[in-house]
Protein backbone atom coordinates (compact mmCIF):
# COMPACT_ATOMS: atom_id res chain seq x y z
CA MET A 1 6.87 -20.63 -10.58
CA ARG A 2 4.47 -17.63 -10.56
CA ILE A 3 1.77 -19.64 -8.78
CA VAL A 4 4.24 -21.02 -6.20
CA LEU A 5 5.59 -17.57 -5.43
CA LEU A 6 2.11 -16.07 -5.19
CA LEU A 7 1.15 -18.83 -2.75
CA SER A 8 4.19 -17.99 -0.63
CA PHE A 9 3.56 -14.24 -0.95
CA ALA A 10 -0.02 -14.47 0.18
CA ALA A 11 0.81 -16.83 3.07
CA LEU A 12 2.92 -14.20 4.78
CA LEU A 13 0.48 -11.33 4.78
CA GLY A 14 -1.61 -12.99 7.47
CA CYS A 15 1.35 -13.45 9.79
CA GLY A 16 3.88 -11.16 11.32
CA GLY A 17 2.69 -11.12 14.91
CA LYS A 18 1.49 -7.92 16.48
CA PRO A 19 0.87 -5.07 14.06
CA GLU A 20 3.72 -2.65 13.78
CA PRO A 21 2.83 0.95 14.55
CA ALA A 22 2.53 3.21 11.54
CA VAL A 23 5.28 5.77 11.94
CA GLU A 24 6.41 8.43 9.56
CA ARG A 25 10.16 7.99 9.58
CA HIS A 26 12.17 11.15 10.11
CA ALA A 27 15.44 11.86 11.85
CA THR A 28 15.00 13.48 15.25
CA PRO A 29 15.78 17.16 14.83
CA ALA A 30 18.44 18.76 17.00
CA PRO A 31 17.16 21.12 19.69
CA SER A 32 16.79 24.65 18.39
CA ALA A 33 15.60 27.91 19.77
CA THR A 34 13.84 28.57 16.47
CA PRO A 35 10.76 26.38 15.87
CA THR A 36 10.95 24.26 12.74
CA PRO A 37 8.35 25.45 10.23
CA ALA A 38 5.59 22.97 9.47
CA ASP A 39 6.00 20.94 6.27
CA GLN A 40 3.44 22.44 3.92
CA ARG A 41 3.99 20.06 1.00
CA PRO A 42 0.91 18.16 -0.29
CA VAL A 43 0.72 14.69 1.25
CA ILE A 44 0.56 11.24 -0.33
CA VAL A 45 -0.47 8.61 2.25
CA ALA A 46 0.56 5.00 1.61
CA PHE A 47 -2.06 3.00 3.52
CA GLY A 48 -1.77 -0.77 3.80
CA ASP A 49 -0.29 -3.83 5.47
CA SER A 50 3.24 -5.34 5.58
CA LEU A 51 3.91 -4.60 1.91
CA THR A 52 3.46 -0.91 2.66
CA ALA A 53 5.09 -0.98 6.10
CA GLY A 54 8.32 -2.40 4.62
CA PHE A 55 8.42 -5.64 6.60
CA GLY A 56 11.89 -7.21 6.65
CA VAL A 57 13.86 -4.41 4.98
CA GLU A 58 16.11 -1.81 6.53
CA PRO A 59 14.57 1.51 7.58
CA GLY A 60 14.37 3.78 4.56
CA SER A 61 13.85 0.89 2.13
CA SER A 62 10.07 0.44 2.06
CA TYR A 63 8.25 1.26 -1.16
CA PRO A 64 6.89 4.54 0.33
CA ASP A 65 10.49 5.51 1.18
CA PHE A 66 11.56 4.91 -2.42
CA LEU A 67 8.51 6.78 -3.62
CA GLN A 68 9.59 9.79 -1.55
CA LYS A 69 13.11 9.57 -2.98
CA GLU A 70 11.64 9.53 -6.48
CA ARG A 71 9.53 12.60 -5.69
CA ASP A 72 12.59 14.41 -4.35
CA ARG A 73 14.84 13.38 -7.24
CA ARG A 74 12.36 14.78 -9.73
CA GLN A 75 11.77 17.86 -7.57
CA LEU A 76 8.08 17.04 -7.15
CA ASN A 77 6.72 18.85 -4.15
CA TYR A 78 5.07 15.99 -2.24
CA ARG A 79 5.53 14.40 1.18
CA VAL A 80 4.94 10.63 1.37
CA VAL A 81 3.61 9.33 4.70
CA ASN A 82 3.88 5.61 5.44
CA GLU A 83 0.72 4.36 7.17
CA GLY A 84 1.42 0.64 6.71
CA VAL A 85 0.75 -1.85 9.54
CA SER A 86 1.96 -5.44 9.18
CA GLY A 87 -0.81 -8.03 9.45
CA ASP A 88 -3.59 -5.49 9.03
CA THR A 89 -7.00 -6.38 7.60
CA THR A 90 -9.61 -4.22 5.94
CA SER A 91 -11.49 -4.08 9.26
CA GLY A 92 -8.37 -2.78 10.98
CA GLY A 93 -7.81 -0.34 8.16
CA LEU A 94 -11.34 0.97 8.47
CA GLU A 95 -10.77 1.59 12.18
CA ARG A 96 -7.58 3.58 11.66
CA LEU A 97 -8.52 5.37 8.45
CA ALA A 98 -9.44 8.57 10.28
CA SER A 99 -5.88 8.81 11.59
CA ALA A 100 -4.48 8.48 8.07
CA LEU A 101 -6.91 11.08 6.75
CA SER A 102 -5.83 13.49 9.48
CA HIS A 103 -2.75 14.13 7.31
CA LYS A 104 -5.19 15.66 4.77
CA PRO A 105 -3.68 13.66 1.90
CA GLU A 106 -4.01 14.70 -1.70
CA VAL A 107 -3.71 11.00 -2.59
CA LEU A 108 -4.38 7.87 -0.54
CA ILE A 109 -2.74 4.69 -1.88
CA LEU A 110 -4.99 1.90 -0.56
CA GLU A 111 -3.40 -1.58 -0.33
CA LEU A 112 -5.40 -3.95 1.92
CA GLY A 113 -7.37 -7.19 1.69
CA ALA A 114 -4.89 -10.06 1.48
CA ASN A 115 -5.13 -10.88 5.18
CA ASP A 116 -8.92 -10.96 4.89
CA GLY A 117 -8.67 -13.60 2.19
CA LEU A 118 -6.13 -15.70 4.08
CA ARG A 119 -8.45 -15.74 7.09
CA GLY A 120 -11.43 -16.72 5.01
CA ILE A 121 -13.34 -13.55 5.80
CA PRO A 122 -16.45 -13.32 3.62
CA VAL A 123 -15.71 -11.56 0.35
CA GLU A 124 -18.72 -9.30 0.93
CA THR A 125 -17.17 -8.04 4.19
CA THR A 126 -13.84 -7.28 2.55
CA ARG A 127 -15.55 -5.53 -0.34
CA ASP A 128 -17.77 -3.49 1.99
CA ASN A 129 -14.80 -2.36 4.12
CA LEU A 130 -12.80 -1.27 1.08
CA ASP A 131 -15.91 0.39 -0.34
CA GLN A 132 -16.34 2.41 2.84
CA MET A 133 -12.66 3.38 2.95
CA ILE A 134 -12.66 4.62 -0.64
CA GLY A 135 -15.86 6.57 -0.05
CA ALA A 136 -14.58 8.13 3.17
CA ALA A 137 -11.26 9.10 1.61
CA LYS A 138 -12.97 10.75 -1.35
CA LYS A 139 -15.39 12.55 0.97
CA ALA A 140 -12.38 13.89 2.88
CA GLY A 141 -11.00 15.32 -0.36
CA ALA A 142 -8.38 12.67 -1.13
CA ARG A 143 -7.95 10.98 -4.46
CA VAL A 144 -7.61 7.19 -4.12
CA LEU A 145 -5.18 4.87 -5.90
CA LEU A 146 -6.38 1.30 -5.30
CA ALA A 147 -3.70 -1.42 -5.22
CA GLY A 148 -4.92 -4.96 -5.80
CA ILE A 149 -3.57 -8.25 -4.46
CA THR A 150 -4.29 -11.93 -5.05
CA LEU A 151 -4.74 -15.19 -3.09
CA PRO A 152 -3.33 -18.73 -3.19
CA ARG A 153 -4.93 -20.88 -5.88
CA ASN A 154 -5.88 -23.54 -3.30
CA TYR A 155 -8.48 -21.30 -1.67
CA GLY A 156 -11.09 -22.60 -4.08
CA PRO A 157 -11.97 -21.27 -7.53
CA ASP A 158 -15.27 -19.71 -6.48
CA TYR A 159 -13.80 -17.80 -3.52
CA ILE A 160 -10.80 -16.65 -5.54
CA ARG A 161 -12.96 -15.57 -8.47
CA ARG A 162 -15.21 -13.48 -6.22
CA PHE A 163 -12.23 -12.07 -4.30
CA ASP A 164 -10.34 -11.07 -7.46
CA ARG A 165 -13.38 -9.14 -8.69
CA ILE A 166 -13.36 -6.86 -5.63
CA TYR A 167 -10.67 -4.47 -6.86
CA PRO A 168 -11.71 -3.84 -10.48
CA GLU A 169 -15.37 -3.57 -9.45
CA LEU A 170 -14.63 -1.00 -6.75
CA ALA A 171 -12.28 0.92 -9.03
CA LYS A 172 -15.06 1.12 -11.60
CA LYS A 173 -17.74 2.03 -9.05
CA HIS A 174 -15.73 4.86 -7.52
CA GLU A 175 -13.94 5.83 -10.74
CA VAL A 176 -10.51 5.51 -9.15
CA PRO A 177 -7.31 4.20 -10.80
CA LEU A 178 -6.26 0.62 -10.10
CA ILE A 179 -2.94 -1.17 -9.83
CA PRO A 180 -4.08 -4.75 -10.57
CA PHE A 181 -1.28 -6.40 -8.55
CA LEU A 182 1.12 -4.35 -6.43
CA LEU A 183 3.96 -6.88 -6.74
CA GLU A 184 3.72 -7.27 -10.50
CA GLY A 185 7.20 -7.94 -11.88
CA VAL A 186 8.54 -8.62 -8.38
CA ALA A 187 6.74 -11.63 -6.86
CA THR A 188 7.90 -13.97 -9.65
CA GLN A 189 11.56 -12.89 -9.41
CA PRO A 190 13.39 -14.73 -6.57
CA ARG A 191 16.24 -12.21 -6.57
CA LEU A 192 13.73 -9.47 -5.71
CA MET A 193 12.18 -11.37 -2.82
CA GLN A 194 13.46 -11.89 0.71
CA PRO A 195 14.60 -15.40 1.78
CA ASP A 196 11.05 -16.10 2.99
CA ALA A 197 9.92 -15.68 -0.65
CA LEU A 198 7.10 -13.57 0.73
CA HIS A 199 8.22 -9.95 0.99
CA PRO A 200 10.20 -7.87 -1.47
CA THR A 201 13.84 -7.04 -0.86
CA ALA A 202 14.89 -3.41 -0.84
CA GLU A 203 15.41 -3.64 -4.60
CA GLY A 204 11.97 -5.21 -4.94
CA CYS A 205 10.47 -2.34 -2.95
CA ARG A 206 12.18 0.09 -5.30
CA ILE A 207 10.47 -1.57 -8.26
CA VAL A 208 7.12 -1.50 -6.45
CA ALA A 209 7.65 2.23 -5.94
CA GLU A 210 8.19 2.60 -9.70
CA THR A 211 4.90 0.78 -10.33
CA VAL A 212 3.11 3.14 -7.96
CA ALA A 213 4.86 6.19 -9.43
CA ARG A 214 3.63 5.29 -12.92
CA ALA A 215 0.07 5.08 -11.63
CA LEU A 216 0.44 8.49 -9.96
CA VAL A 217 1.47 10.27 -13.17
CA PRO A 218 -2.06 10.91 -14.50
CA MET A 219 -3.38 11.58 -11.01
CA LEU A 220 -0.91 14.33 -10.17
CA GLY A 221 -0.67 15.84 -13.63
CA TYR A 222 3.04 15.86 -14.36
CA THR A 223 5.20 14.45 -17.12
CA ARG A 224 7.24 11.39 -16.17
CA LYS A 225 10.97 11.69 -16.92
């Protein structure tokens, strides 16, 4: 069952049509004579593809949305910005990284690479793009949380083996924390996946946010409650 679901999960990441624009979702403020003060909270940028963008769930139900709710519930002074684009590759991510870094994030959650694998892009290219993104983010002063993914088992054992090594090797090289598989505990549970068996439901996204939140604990230096 786990292998079948992972095959279905990975098959979707390469589809989805035109990339969706990365938009930080906020209600439009009512007109006011007094300018709204700028939000000065430290920023966490969630940077990735459809799993980050919240493909197929209602607005406010992506994992970055749930991560923000968790920050607010625990009165942690952070603003989560969703920079997910459905169908994105590491090459696309490299091109738009500067825009994400313009938020001056304290943490960049990096989740990209599945679409590279599904398109058969050389592993070396994927690794190099992620390597550059991690380096650029750290140079800009952001701490990086790397989120790994996997590929269908029918892509060939050699390709899969080399692809799966990308994330732990880069985490070790750059000394950044790693989430081995972002959908751990979700992808193998049909009730947590949408009818396409590819993307998490809102409840699945909530669990993904919990996985990310656990990884953020040692990075942000607070005690989890």
